Amino acid sequence: MTHPTKKVLFITVMLLLSLLACSIGLPKQKPESLPQPPGGHIETSDEAVERAKGNLNQAVEEAKGGHETTFRITSEEATSVVAKLLQTRADIPLSDPQIWFTAGKIYMLAKLEGLGSASVSTLIVMRPLVTDDGQLQVELVDAKMGAFSVPDAVINNLTETINETLADAQFNVKITGIDVREGEMIIAGKRTE
C-alpha cells in the first residue's frame, strides 16, 4: 500500500470514529441538511468523462513549447470523472459523488460507506489556490459528516494529504491562474519542459 493511500485510509478511519463518537444516541440526520448541487442531482455519464479527457489532452497539446493554455471542467464532468474513479477504487469508501463549482469554491458531496448497512452524507468544501511556484493546492474551508462538523485537526490532515496528492499529480505544468465560476472551473497554465 502506498504512503498516500495509507494517509487516506487513516483519515477515513478517523472521520468514521469521530462521527460514531458524536452520533451515539442521536436521531438520524437528513442529508438535506447539507448543501446540495444547484439544479439538483448531477447525473454522471461516460460522455462527460470523455469530454473532460479530451479537454485535458487538448490543453496539454496547446501547452507544448511553453504556450499558456486553459483547461475547463464542468460540474458534470468532474462528478462523472470522480464517480468513474470511485468504481475502480474499493479502498475509497465513497459513493454517489456530487461535485460542483460556485463562488470560487469546489463542493464535493458523497456518501461515506462502510458503516454497516448505513451510509453518511459527507461534504467537503475547498478553495483552490496557486502557490508562488505555480502549483495547484486547495484550502479546505469546511467538512461535514451528516450534521456534524469535522474537527479542525482532521481538516488540516486532509488538506495536507490532498495537497501532497496534487503535487505528485502535476505534470510539469506551472499554473498561472484558477477561476471557479458557476458550474465550471478554469485552470490556466503552461508546461515547464
N, C-alpha and C. Protein backbone atom coordinates (compact mmCIF):
# COMPACT_ATOMS: atom_id res chain seq x y z
N MET A 1 0.84 -1.17 0.00
CA MET A 1 0.00 0.00 0.00
C MET A 1 0.89 1.24 0.00
N THR A 2 0.58 2.19 -0.88
CA THR A 2 1.41 3.38 -0.99
C THR A 2 1.17 4.32 0.18
N HIS A 3 2.13 5.21 0.41
CA HIS A 3 2.06 6.16 1.52
C HIS A 3 0.81 7.04 1.46
N PRO A 4 0.48 7.67 0.29
CA PRO A 4 -0.74 8.49 0.24
C PRO A 4 -2.00 7.66 0.51
N THR A 5 -2.04 6.40 0.06
CA THR A 5 -3.21 5.55 0.30
C THR A 5 -3.37 5.29 1.79
N LYS A 6 -2.27 5.06 2.50
CA LYS A 6 -2.33 4.86 3.95
C LYS A 6 -2.88 6.09 4.64
N LYS A 7 -2.46 7.27 4.18
CA LYS A 7 -2.95 8.51 4.78
C LYS A 7 -4.46 8.65 4.56
N VAL A 8 -4.92 8.36 3.34
CA VAL A 8 -6.35 8.47 3.05
C VAL A 8 -7.13 7.50 3.92
N LEU A 9 -6.65 6.28 4.06
CA LEU A 9 -7.33 5.30 4.89
C LEU A 9 -7.32 5.74 6.36
N PHE A 10 -6.20 6.27 6.85
CA PHE A 10 -6.12 6.74 8.22
C PHE A 10 -7.13 7.86 8.46
N ILE A 11 -7.18 8.82 7.54
CA ILE A 11 -8.10 9.94 7.69
C ILE A 11 -9.55 9.46 7.64
N THR A 12 -9.84 8.52 6.76
CA THR A 12 -11.19 7.97 6.67
C THR A 12 -11.59 7.30 7.97
N VAL A 13 -10.69 6.51 8.54
CA VAL A 13 -10.97 5.85 9.82
C VAL A 13 -11.19 6.88 10.91
N MET A 14 -10.37 7.93 10.95
CA MET A 14 -10.53 8.98 11.96
C MET A 14 -11.87 9.69 11.81
N LEU A 15 -12.27 9.95 10.56
CA LEU A 15 -13.56 10.58 10.32
C LEU A 15 -14.70 9.67 10.80
N LEU A 16 -14.60 8.39 10.50
CA LEU A 16 -15.62 7.44 10.93
C LEU A 16 -15.71 7.38 12.45
N LEU A 17 -14.58 7.28 13.12
CA LEU A 17 -14.58 7.23 14.58
C LEU A 17 -15.15 8.51 15.19
N SER A 18 -14.79 9.66 14.64
CA SER A 18 -15.33 10.93 15.13
C SER A 18 -16.83 10.98 14.97
N LEU A 19 -17.29 10.54 13.81
CA LEU A 19 -18.73 10.55 13.55
C LEU A 19 -19.46 9.62 14.51
N LEU A 20 -18.94 8.42 14.67
CA LEU A 20 -19.59 7.45 15.55
C LEU A 20 -19.61 7.95 16.99
N ALA A 21 -18.53 8.55 17.43
CA ALA A 21 -18.46 9.06 18.80
C ALA A 21 -19.47 10.19 19.02
N CYS A 22 -19.65 11.00 18.00
CA CYS A 22 -20.55 12.15 18.14
C CYS A 22 -22.02 11.78 17.93
N SER A 23 -22.29 10.67 17.26
CA SER A 23 -23.67 10.39 16.87
C SER A 23 -24.36 9.34 17.72
N ILE A 24 -23.69 8.75 18.68
CA ILE A 24 -24.32 7.72 19.50
C ILE A 24 -25.53 8.31 20.21
N GLY A 25 -26.67 7.67 20.01
CA GLY A 25 -27.89 8.07 20.68
C GLY A 25 -28.61 9.26 20.05
N LEU A 26 -28.09 9.81 18.97
CA LEU A 26 -28.76 10.93 18.33
C LEU A 26 -29.66 10.43 17.21
N PRO A 27 -30.73 11.15 16.90
CA PRO A 27 -31.59 10.74 15.81
C PRO A 27 -30.86 10.84 14.48
N LYS A 28 -31.30 10.04 13.53
CA LYS A 28 -30.69 10.03 12.20
C LYS A 28 -30.86 11.41 11.55
N GLN A 29 -29.77 11.93 10.96
CA GLN A 29 -29.80 13.23 10.32
C GLN A 29 -30.21 13.08 8.86
N LYS A 30 -30.94 14.05 8.36
CA LYS A 30 -31.36 14.04 6.97
C LYS A 30 -30.24 14.59 6.10
N PRO A 31 -29.96 13.97 4.94
CA PRO A 31 -28.92 14.50 4.07
C PRO A 31 -29.26 15.89 3.53
N GLU A 32 -30.54 16.28 3.56
CA GLU A 32 -30.94 17.58 3.07
C GLU A 32 -30.36 18.71 3.92
N SER A 33 -29.84 18.38 5.11
CA SER A 33 -29.27 19.41 5.96
C SER A 33 -27.94 19.92 5.41
N LEU A 34 -27.34 19.19 4.49
CA LEU A 34 -26.11 19.63 3.84
C LEU A 34 -26.45 20.35 2.54
N PRO A 35 -25.59 21.27 2.10
CA PRO A 35 -25.84 21.93 0.81
C PRO A 35 -25.95 20.90 -0.31
N GLN A 36 -26.78 21.20 -1.27
CA GLN A 36 -27.00 20.33 -2.42
C GLN A 36 -26.59 21.07 -3.69
N PRO A 37 -26.28 20.33 -4.75
CA PRO A 37 -25.90 20.99 -6.00
C PRO A 37 -27.01 21.89 -6.52
N PRO A 38 -26.64 23.07 -7.03
CA PRO A 38 -27.65 23.93 -7.65
C PRO A 38 -28.28 23.17 -8.82
N GLY A 39 -29.56 23.20 -8.93
CA GLY A 39 -30.22 22.50 -10.02
C GLY A 39 -30.49 21.04 -9.73
N GLY A 40 -30.15 20.57 -8.54
CA GLY A 40 -30.44 19.19 -8.18
C GLY A 40 -29.30 18.22 -8.49
N HIS A 41 -29.61 16.93 -8.39
CA HIS A 41 -28.63 15.85 -8.55
C HIS A 41 -27.91 15.96 -9.90
N ILE A 42 -26.59 15.82 -9.87
CA ILE A 42 -25.78 15.88 -11.09
C ILE A 42 -25.64 14.46 -11.63
N GLU A 43 -26.15 14.24 -12.81
CA GLU A 43 -26.08 12.91 -13.44
C GLU A 43 -24.68 12.69 -14.00
N THR A 44 -24.22 11.45 -13.93
CA THR A 44 -22.90 11.11 -14.48
C THR A 44 -23.08 10.43 -15.83
N SER A 45 -22.04 10.51 -16.64
CA SER A 45 -22.09 9.85 -17.95
C SER A 45 -20.68 9.59 -18.46
N ASP A 46 -20.56 8.56 -19.27
CA ASP A 46 -19.28 8.27 -19.92
C ASP A 46 -18.91 9.39 -20.89
N GLU A 47 -19.92 10.02 -21.50
CA GLU A 47 -19.65 11.12 -22.43
C GLU A 47 -18.98 12.29 -21.70
N ALA A 48 -19.42 12.57 -20.49
CA ALA A 48 -18.81 13.67 -19.71
C ALA A 48 -17.36 13.34 -19.36
N VAL A 49 -17.09 12.06 -19.03
CA VAL A 49 -15.71 11.63 -18.75
C VAL A 49 -14.85 11.84 -19.99
N GLU A 50 -15.35 11.43 -21.14
CA GLU A 50 -14.60 11.57 -22.39
C GLU A 50 -14.37 13.04 -22.74
N ARG A 51 -15.38 13.88 -22.50
CA ARG A 51 -15.21 15.32 -22.74
C ARG A 51 -14.10 15.89 -21.87
N ALA A 52 -14.09 15.52 -20.59
CA ALA A 52 -13.04 16.01 -19.68
C ALA A 52 -11.66 15.55 -20.14
N LYS A 53 -11.55 14.26 -20.51
CA LYS A 53 -10.26 13.75 -21.01
C LYS A 53 -9.84 14.49 -22.27
N GLY A 54 -10.77 14.71 -23.18
CA GLY A 54 -10.47 15.42 -24.42
C GLY A 54 -10.02 16.85 -24.15
N ASN A 55 -10.71 17.53 -23.23
CA ASN A 55 -10.32 18.91 -22.88
C ASN A 55 -8.93 18.95 -22.26
N LEU A 56 -8.63 17.96 -21.40
CA LEU A 56 -7.30 17.91 -20.78
C LEU A 56 -6.23 17.63 -21.83
N ASN A 57 -6.47 16.66 -22.70
CA ASN A 57 -5.50 16.34 -23.76
C ASN A 57 -5.26 17.54 -24.66
N GLN A 58 -6.32 18.26 -25.01
CA GLN A 58 -6.19 19.44 -25.85
C GLN A 58 -5.36 20.51 -25.14
N ALA A 59 -5.62 20.73 -23.86
CA ALA A 59 -4.87 21.72 -23.09
C ALA A 59 -3.39 21.35 -23.03
N VAL A 60 -3.10 20.07 -22.83
CA VAL A 60 -1.70 19.62 -22.78
C VAL A 60 -1.01 19.86 -24.11
N GLU A 61 -1.70 19.55 -25.21
CA GLU A 61 -1.12 19.78 -26.54
C GLU A 61 -0.86 21.27 -26.78
N GLU A 62 -1.83 22.11 -26.42
CA GLU A 62 -1.69 23.55 -26.63
C GLU A 62 -0.55 24.13 -25.79
N ALA A 63 -0.24 23.47 -24.68
CA ALA A 63 0.78 23.99 -23.76
C ALA A 63 2.20 23.64 -24.20
N LYS A 64 2.34 22.79 -25.21
CA LYS A 64 3.69 22.43 -25.67
C LYS A 64 4.42 23.68 -26.15
N GLY A 65 5.69 23.72 -25.90
CA GLY A 65 6.50 24.85 -26.32
C GLY A 65 6.36 26.06 -25.40
N GLY A 66 5.84 25.84 -24.20
CA GLY A 66 5.75 26.93 -23.24
C GLY A 66 4.58 27.87 -23.44
N HIS A 67 3.62 27.51 -24.30
CA HIS A 67 2.46 28.36 -24.53
C HIS A 67 1.47 28.20 -23.38
N GLU A 68 0.83 29.30 -23.01
CA GLU A 68 -0.19 29.23 -21.97
C GLU A 68 -1.46 28.65 -22.57
N THR A 69 -2.15 27.83 -21.78
CA THR A 69 -3.38 27.21 -22.22
C THR A 69 -4.36 27.19 -21.06
N THR A 70 -5.60 26.85 -21.35
CA THR A 70 -6.60 26.72 -20.29
C THR A 70 -7.26 25.35 -20.37
N PHE A 71 -7.62 24.86 -19.21
CA PHE A 71 -8.37 23.61 -19.08
C PHE A 71 -9.67 23.95 -18.36
N ARG A 72 -10.78 23.65 -19.01
CA ARG A 72 -12.09 23.88 -18.42
C ARG A 72 -12.71 22.54 -18.05
N ILE A 73 -13.32 22.51 -16.86
CA ILE A 73 -14.05 21.32 -16.45
C ILE A 73 -15.36 21.75 -15.80
N THR A 74 -16.44 21.11 -16.20
CA THR A 74 -17.75 21.46 -15.67
C THR A 74 -18.06 20.59 -14.45
N SER A 75 -19.09 20.97 -13.74
CA SER A 75 -19.54 20.18 -12.58
C SER A 75 -19.92 18.76 -13.02
N GLU A 76 -20.60 18.64 -14.15
CA GLU A 76 -20.99 17.32 -14.66
C GLU A 76 -19.75 16.48 -14.99
N GLU A 77 -18.77 17.09 -15.63
CA GLU A 77 -17.56 16.35 -15.99
C GLU A 77 -16.79 15.92 -14.75
N ALA A 78 -16.62 16.82 -13.79
CA ALA A 78 -15.89 16.48 -12.56
C ALA A 78 -16.61 15.38 -11.80
N THR A 79 -17.92 15.48 -11.68
CA THR A 79 -18.70 14.45 -10.98
C THR A 79 -18.55 13.11 -11.69
N SER A 80 -18.62 13.11 -13.00
CA SER A 80 -18.51 11.87 -13.78
C SER A 80 -17.14 11.23 -13.65
N VAL A 81 -16.08 12.05 -13.71
CA VAL A 81 -14.71 11.53 -13.59
C VAL A 81 -14.50 10.90 -12.21
N VAL A 82 -14.93 11.59 -11.16
CA VAL A 82 -14.74 11.07 -9.81
C VAL A 82 -15.60 9.81 -9.59
N ALA A 83 -16.82 9.81 -10.10
CA ALA A 83 -17.69 8.62 -9.96
C ALA A 83 -17.04 7.41 -10.64
N LYS A 84 -16.48 7.62 -11.82
CA LYS A 84 -15.83 6.52 -12.53
C LYS A 84 -14.59 6.04 -11.76
N LEU A 85 -13.82 6.98 -11.22
CA LEU A 85 -12.64 6.62 -10.42
C LEU A 85 -13.05 5.80 -9.20
N LEU A 86 -14.09 6.22 -8.51
CA LEU A 86 -14.54 5.51 -7.31
C LEU A 86 -14.99 4.08 -7.61
N GLN A 87 -15.48 3.85 -8.83
CA GLN A 87 -15.89 2.50 -9.22
C GLN A 87 -14.69 1.54 -9.28
N THR A 88 -13.51 2.09 -9.49
CA THR A 88 -12.30 1.25 -9.62
C THR A 88 -11.49 1.21 -8.33
N ARG A 89 -11.89 1.96 -7.32
CA ARG A 89 -11.10 2.07 -6.08
C ARG A 89 -11.93 1.61 -4.88
N ALA A 90 -11.89 0.33 -4.60
CA ALA A 90 -12.62 -0.21 -3.46
C ALA A 90 -12.06 0.29 -2.13
N ASP A 91 -10.82 0.79 -2.12
CA ASP A 91 -10.20 1.28 -0.88
C ASP A 91 -10.69 2.67 -0.48
N ILE A 92 -11.47 3.32 -1.33
CA ILE A 92 -12.04 4.63 -1.00
C ILE A 92 -13.53 4.42 -0.75
N PRO A 93 -13.98 4.54 0.50
CA PRO A 93 -15.36 4.18 0.86
C PRO A 93 -16.39 5.28 0.57
N LEU A 94 -16.36 5.84 -0.63
CA LEU A 94 -17.31 6.88 -1.01
C LEU A 94 -18.13 6.42 -2.20
N SER A 95 -19.37 6.88 -2.26
CA SER A 95 -20.22 6.59 -3.41
C SER A 95 -21.08 7.82 -3.71
N ASP A 96 -21.70 7.79 -4.85
CA ASP A 96 -22.62 8.84 -5.30
C ASP A 96 -22.03 10.25 -5.14
N PRO A 97 -20.86 10.49 -5.72
CA PRO A 97 -20.26 11.83 -5.59
C PRO A 97 -21.06 12.88 -6.37
N GLN A 98 -21.07 14.06 -5.83
CA GLN A 98 -21.66 15.23 -6.47
C GLN A 98 -20.65 16.35 -6.31
N ILE A 99 -20.11 16.83 -7.41
CA ILE A 99 -19.09 17.88 -7.35
C ILE A 99 -19.61 19.07 -8.14
N TRP A 100 -19.58 20.23 -7.49
CA TRP A 100 -20.00 21.41 -8.21
C TRP A 100 -19.11 22.59 -7.85
N PHE A 101 -19.08 23.53 -8.80
CA PHE A 101 -18.23 24.71 -8.70
C PHE A 101 -19.12 25.94 -8.56
N THR A 102 -18.83 26.79 -7.60
CA THR A 102 -19.60 28.02 -7.44
C THR A 102 -18.85 28.99 -6.52
N ALA A 103 -18.94 30.25 -6.83
CA ALA A 103 -18.42 31.34 -5.99
C ALA A 103 -17.00 31.11 -5.49
N GLY A 104 -16.12 30.65 -6.37
CA GLY A 104 -14.72 30.47 -6.00
C GLY A 104 -14.42 29.21 -5.20
N LYS A 105 -15.41 28.34 -5.04
CA LYS A 105 -15.22 27.14 -4.22
C LYS A 105 -15.64 25.88 -4.98
N ILE A 106 -15.04 24.78 -4.54
CA ILE A 106 -15.37 23.45 -5.05
C ILE A 106 -16.11 22.72 -3.94
N TYR A 107 -17.29 22.22 -4.24
CA TYR A 107 -18.08 21.45 -3.28
C TYR A 107 -18.07 19.98 -3.70
N MET A 108 -17.85 19.10 -2.74
CA MET A 108 -17.95 17.67 -3.00
C MET A 108 -18.85 17.05 -1.93
N LEU A 109 -19.94 16.49 -2.39
CA LEU A 109 -20.89 15.79 -1.52
C LEU A 109 -20.85 14.33 -1.94
N ALA A 110 -20.72 13.42 -0.98
CA ALA A 110 -20.69 11.99 -1.30
C ALA A 110 -21.21 11.22 -0.10
N LYS A 111 -21.54 9.97 -0.35
CA LYS A 111 -21.95 9.09 0.74
C LYS A 111 -20.74 8.31 1.22
N LEU A 112 -20.49 8.37 2.51
CA LEU A 112 -19.42 7.60 3.13
C LEU A 112 -20.00 6.24 3.52
N GLU A 113 -19.46 5.18 2.93
CA GLU A 113 -19.94 3.82 3.15
C GLU A 113 -19.09 3.15 4.21
N GLY A 114 -19.44 1.93 4.56
CA GLY A 114 -18.62 1.15 5.48
C GLY A 114 -19.05 1.28 6.92
N LEU A 115 -20.27 1.75 7.14
CA LEU A 115 -20.81 1.87 8.49
C LEU A 115 -21.87 0.80 8.70
N GLY A 116 -21.52 -0.43 8.37
CA GLY A 116 -22.52 -1.50 8.40
C GLY A 116 -23.42 -1.31 7.19
N SER A 117 -24.73 -1.32 7.42
CA SER A 117 -25.66 -1.12 6.31
C SER A 117 -25.98 0.35 6.10
N ALA A 118 -25.44 1.23 6.93
CA ALA A 118 -25.72 2.66 6.83
C ALA A 118 -24.65 3.38 6.02
N SER A 119 -25.01 4.56 5.56
CA SER A 119 -24.05 5.46 4.94
C SER A 119 -24.32 6.86 5.47
N VAL A 120 -23.32 7.72 5.39
CA VAL A 120 -23.44 9.08 5.90
C VAL A 120 -23.09 10.05 4.78
N SER A 121 -23.94 11.03 4.58
CA SER A 121 -23.63 12.08 3.61
C SER A 121 -22.48 12.92 4.16
N THR A 122 -21.48 13.14 3.31
CA THR A 122 -20.27 13.85 3.70
C THR A 122 -20.05 15.00 2.73
N LEU A 123 -19.72 16.16 3.26
CA LEU A 123 -19.49 17.34 2.44
C LEU A 123 -18.09 17.87 2.69
N ILE A 124 -17.39 18.19 1.60
CA ILE A 124 -16.10 18.86 1.68
C ILE A 124 -16.18 20.09 0.79
N VAL A 125 -15.80 21.24 1.34
CA VAL A 125 -15.79 22.49 0.58
C VAL A 125 -14.34 22.96 0.52
N MET A 126 -13.85 23.18 -0.70
CA MET A 126 -12.46 23.56 -0.91
C MET A 126 -12.36 24.85 -1.71
N ARG A 127 -11.29 25.57 -1.47
CA ARG A 127 -10.96 26.74 -2.28
C ARG A 127 -9.63 26.44 -2.96
N PRO A 128 -9.59 26.41 -4.30
CA PRO A 128 -8.32 26.16 -4.97
C PRO A 128 -7.40 27.37 -4.92
N LEU A 129 -6.11 27.11 -4.84
CA LEU A 129 -5.10 28.16 -4.74
C LEU A 129 -3.95 27.85 -5.70
N VAL A 130 -3.22 28.88 -6.08
CA VAL A 130 -2.00 28.71 -6.85
C VAL A 130 -0.85 29.18 -5.97
N THR A 131 0.14 28.32 -5.77
CA THR A 131 1.30 28.69 -4.95
C THR A 131 2.21 29.63 -5.74
N ASP A 132 3.17 30.24 -5.06
CA ASP A 132 4.11 31.14 -5.71
C ASP A 132 4.91 30.45 -6.81
N ASP A 133 5.13 29.14 -6.66
CA ASP A 133 5.87 28.41 -7.70
C ASP A 133 4.96 27.76 -8.73
N GLY A 134 3.68 28.17 -8.77
CA GLY A 134 2.78 27.72 -9.83
C GLY A 134 2.18 26.35 -9.64
N GLN A 135 2.04 25.90 -8.42
CA GLN A 135 1.43 24.59 -8.16
C GLN A 135 0.00 24.77 -7.66
N LEU A 136 -0.85 23.83 -8.02
CA LEU A 136 -2.23 23.83 -7.58
C LEU A 136 -2.31 23.24 -6.18
N GLN A 137 -2.99 23.93 -5.28
CA GLN A 137 -3.27 23.42 -3.94
C GLN A 137 -4.71 23.76 -3.60
N VAL A 138 -5.19 23.19 -2.51
CA VAL A 138 -6.53 23.53 -2.04
C VAL A 138 -6.47 23.88 -0.56
N GLU A 139 -7.41 24.71 -0.16
CA GLU A 139 -7.62 25.00 1.25
C GLU A 139 -9.01 24.45 1.57
N LEU A 140 -9.08 23.54 2.53
CA LEU A 140 -10.38 23.04 2.94
C LEU A 140 -11.06 24.09 3.79
N VAL A 141 -12.22 24.54 3.34
CA VAL A 141 -12.96 25.59 4.01
C VAL A 141 -13.93 25.00 5.03
N ASP A 142 -14.48 23.82 4.70
CA ASP A 142 -15.46 23.19 5.57
C ASP A 142 -15.53 21.70 5.25
N ALA A 143 -15.86 20.92 6.24
CA ALA A 143 -16.10 19.49 6.06
C ALA A 143 -17.14 19.06 7.08
N LYS A 144 -18.12 18.31 6.61
CA LYS A 144 -19.19 17.83 7.50
C LYS A 144 -19.47 16.36 7.19
N MET A 145 -19.86 15.67 8.24
CA MET A 145 -20.35 14.30 8.12
C MET A 145 -21.74 14.31 8.72
N GLY A 146 -22.75 14.17 7.86
CA GLY A 146 -24.10 14.36 8.34
C GLY A 146 -24.22 15.80 8.81
N ALA A 147 -24.77 15.99 10.00
CA ALA A 147 -24.94 17.34 10.54
C ALA A 147 -23.74 17.79 11.37
N PHE A 148 -22.69 16.97 11.44
CA PHE A 148 -21.57 17.26 12.33
C PHE A 148 -20.38 17.82 11.55
N SER A 149 -19.78 18.87 12.10
CA SER A 149 -18.57 19.42 11.51
C SER A 149 -17.39 18.52 11.83
N VAL A 150 -16.51 18.37 10.87
CA VAL A 150 -15.29 17.59 11.06
C VAL A 150 -14.31 18.44 11.86
N PRO A 151 -13.63 17.88 12.86
CA PRO A 151 -12.68 18.65 13.66
C PRO A 151 -11.57 19.28 12.82
N ASP A 152 -11.10 20.45 13.25
CA ASP A 152 -10.07 21.19 12.52
C ASP A 152 -8.80 20.36 12.30
N ALA A 153 -8.41 19.57 13.28
CA ALA A 153 -7.19 18.75 13.15
C ALA A 153 -7.33 17.77 11.99
N VAL A 154 -8.52 17.20 11.83
CA VAL A 154 -8.75 16.26 10.72
C VAL A 154 -8.78 17.02 9.40
N ILE A 155 -9.39 18.20 9.38
CA ILE A 155 -9.41 19.02 8.17
C ILE A 155 -7.98 19.38 7.76
N ASN A 156 -7.14 19.74 8.73
CA ASN A 156 -5.74 20.08 8.42
C ASN A 156 -5.00 18.89 7.84
N ASN A 157 -5.19 17.70 8.42
CA ASN A 157 -4.55 16.49 7.89
C ASN A 157 -5.06 16.15 6.50
N LEU A 158 -6.35 16.30 6.29
CA LEU A 158 -6.94 16.03 4.98
C LEU A 158 -6.42 17.02 3.94
N THR A 159 -6.31 18.29 4.31
CA THR A 159 -5.76 19.31 3.41
C THR A 159 -4.34 18.94 2.99
N GLU A 160 -3.53 18.54 3.96
CA GLU A 160 -2.14 18.16 3.68
C GLU A 160 -2.08 16.97 2.72
N THR A 161 -2.91 15.97 2.96
CA THR A 161 -2.93 14.78 2.11
C THR A 161 -3.36 15.13 0.69
N ILE A 162 -4.41 15.95 0.55
CA ILE A 162 -4.88 16.34 -0.78
C ILE A 162 -3.78 17.12 -1.50
N ASN A 163 -3.14 18.04 -0.83
CA ASN A 163 -2.10 18.85 -1.47
C ASN A 163 -0.87 18.02 -1.85
N GLU A 164 -0.52 17.03 -1.04
CA GLU A 164 0.58 16.12 -1.42
C GLU A 164 0.20 15.32 -2.66
N THR A 165 -1.04 14.87 -2.73
CA THR A 165 -1.51 14.12 -3.89
C THR A 165 -1.51 15.00 -5.13
N LEU A 166 -1.96 16.24 -5.00
CA LEU A 166 -1.94 17.17 -6.13
C LEU A 166 -0.52 17.44 -6.60
N ALA A 167 0.40 17.61 -5.67
CA ALA A 167 1.80 17.87 -6.04
C ALA A 167 2.38 16.70 -6.82
N ASP A 168 2.03 15.47 -6.42
CA ASP A 168 2.52 14.29 -7.13
C ASP A 168 1.90 14.15 -8.51
N ALA A 169 0.69 14.70 -8.70
CA ALA A 169 -0.05 14.51 -9.95
C ALA A 169 0.23 15.57 -11.00
N GLN A 170 0.91 16.65 -10.68
CA GLN A 170 1.09 17.72 -11.64
C GLN A 170 2.19 17.35 -12.63
N PHE A 171 1.89 17.56 -13.90
CA PHE A 171 2.72 17.07 -15.00
C PHE A 171 3.57 18.18 -15.59
N ASN A 172 4.59 18.63 -14.86
CA ASN A 172 5.47 19.66 -15.38
C ASN A 172 4.68 20.85 -15.92
N VAL A 173 3.71 21.28 -15.13
CA VAL A 173 2.87 22.40 -15.53
C VAL A 173 2.96 23.48 -14.45
N LYS A 174 3.12 24.70 -14.89
CA LYS A 174 3.08 25.83 -13.98
C LYS A 174 1.71 26.47 -14.12
N ILE A 175 0.94 26.44 -13.03
CA ILE A 175 -0.40 27.00 -13.03
C ILE A 175 -0.27 28.52 -12.91
N THR A 176 -0.95 29.24 -13.80
CA THR A 176 -0.89 30.70 -13.77
C THR A 176 -2.18 31.33 -13.26
N GLY A 177 -3.25 30.54 -13.18
CA GLY A 177 -4.49 31.09 -12.66
C GLY A 177 -5.58 30.04 -12.54
N ILE A 178 -6.50 30.28 -11.61
CA ILE A 178 -7.67 29.41 -11.43
C ILE A 178 -8.88 30.32 -11.26
N ASP A 179 -9.94 29.99 -11.97
CA ASP A 179 -11.19 30.74 -11.87
C ASP A 179 -12.32 29.74 -11.66
N VAL A 180 -12.94 29.77 -10.49
CA VAL A 180 -14.06 28.89 -10.21
C VAL A 180 -15.33 29.70 -10.38
N ARG A 181 -16.09 29.33 -11.40
CA ARG A 181 -17.32 30.03 -11.74
C ARG A 181 -18.52 29.13 -11.45
N GLU A 182 -19.68 29.65 -11.69
CA GLU A 182 -20.88 28.86 -11.52
C GLU A 182 -20.89 27.72 -12.55
N GLY A 183 -20.71 26.50 -12.06
CA GLY A 183 -20.81 25.33 -12.93
C GLY A 183 -19.53 24.91 -13.62
N GLU A 184 -18.44 25.65 -13.47
CA GLU A 184 -17.20 25.24 -14.12
C GLU A 184 -15.98 25.82 -13.41
N MET A 185 -14.86 25.15 -13.63
CA MET A 185 -13.58 25.64 -13.13
C MET A 185 -12.64 25.74 -14.33
N ILE A 186 -11.90 26.83 -14.39
CA ILE A 186 -10.96 27.07 -15.48
C ILE A 186 -9.57 27.20 -14.86
N ILE A 187 -8.65 26.37 -15.34
CA ILE A 187 -7.27 26.40 -14.86
C ILE A 187 -6.39 26.82 -16.03
N ALA A 188 -5.60 27.86 -15.84
CA ALA A 188 -4.66 28.33 -16.86
C ALA A 188 -3.25 27.94 -16.44
N GLY A 189 -2.43 27.59 -17.42
CA GLY A 189 -1.06 27.24 -17.11
C GLY A 189 -0.25 26.99 -18.35
N LYS A 190 1.03 26.67 -18.13
CA LYS A 190 1.91 26.33 -19.24
C LYS A 190 2.90 25.27 -18.79
N ARG A 191 3.36 24.50 -19.74
CA ARG A 191 4.32 23.44 -19.44
C ARG A 191 5.66 24.04 -19.09
N THR A 192 6.37 23.37 -18.21
CA THR A 192 7.68 23.86 -17.81
C THR A 192 8.80 23.16 -18.53
N GLU A 193 8.49 22.15 -19.31
CA GLU A 193 9.52 21.43 -20.09
C GLU A 193 9.31 21.64 -21.55
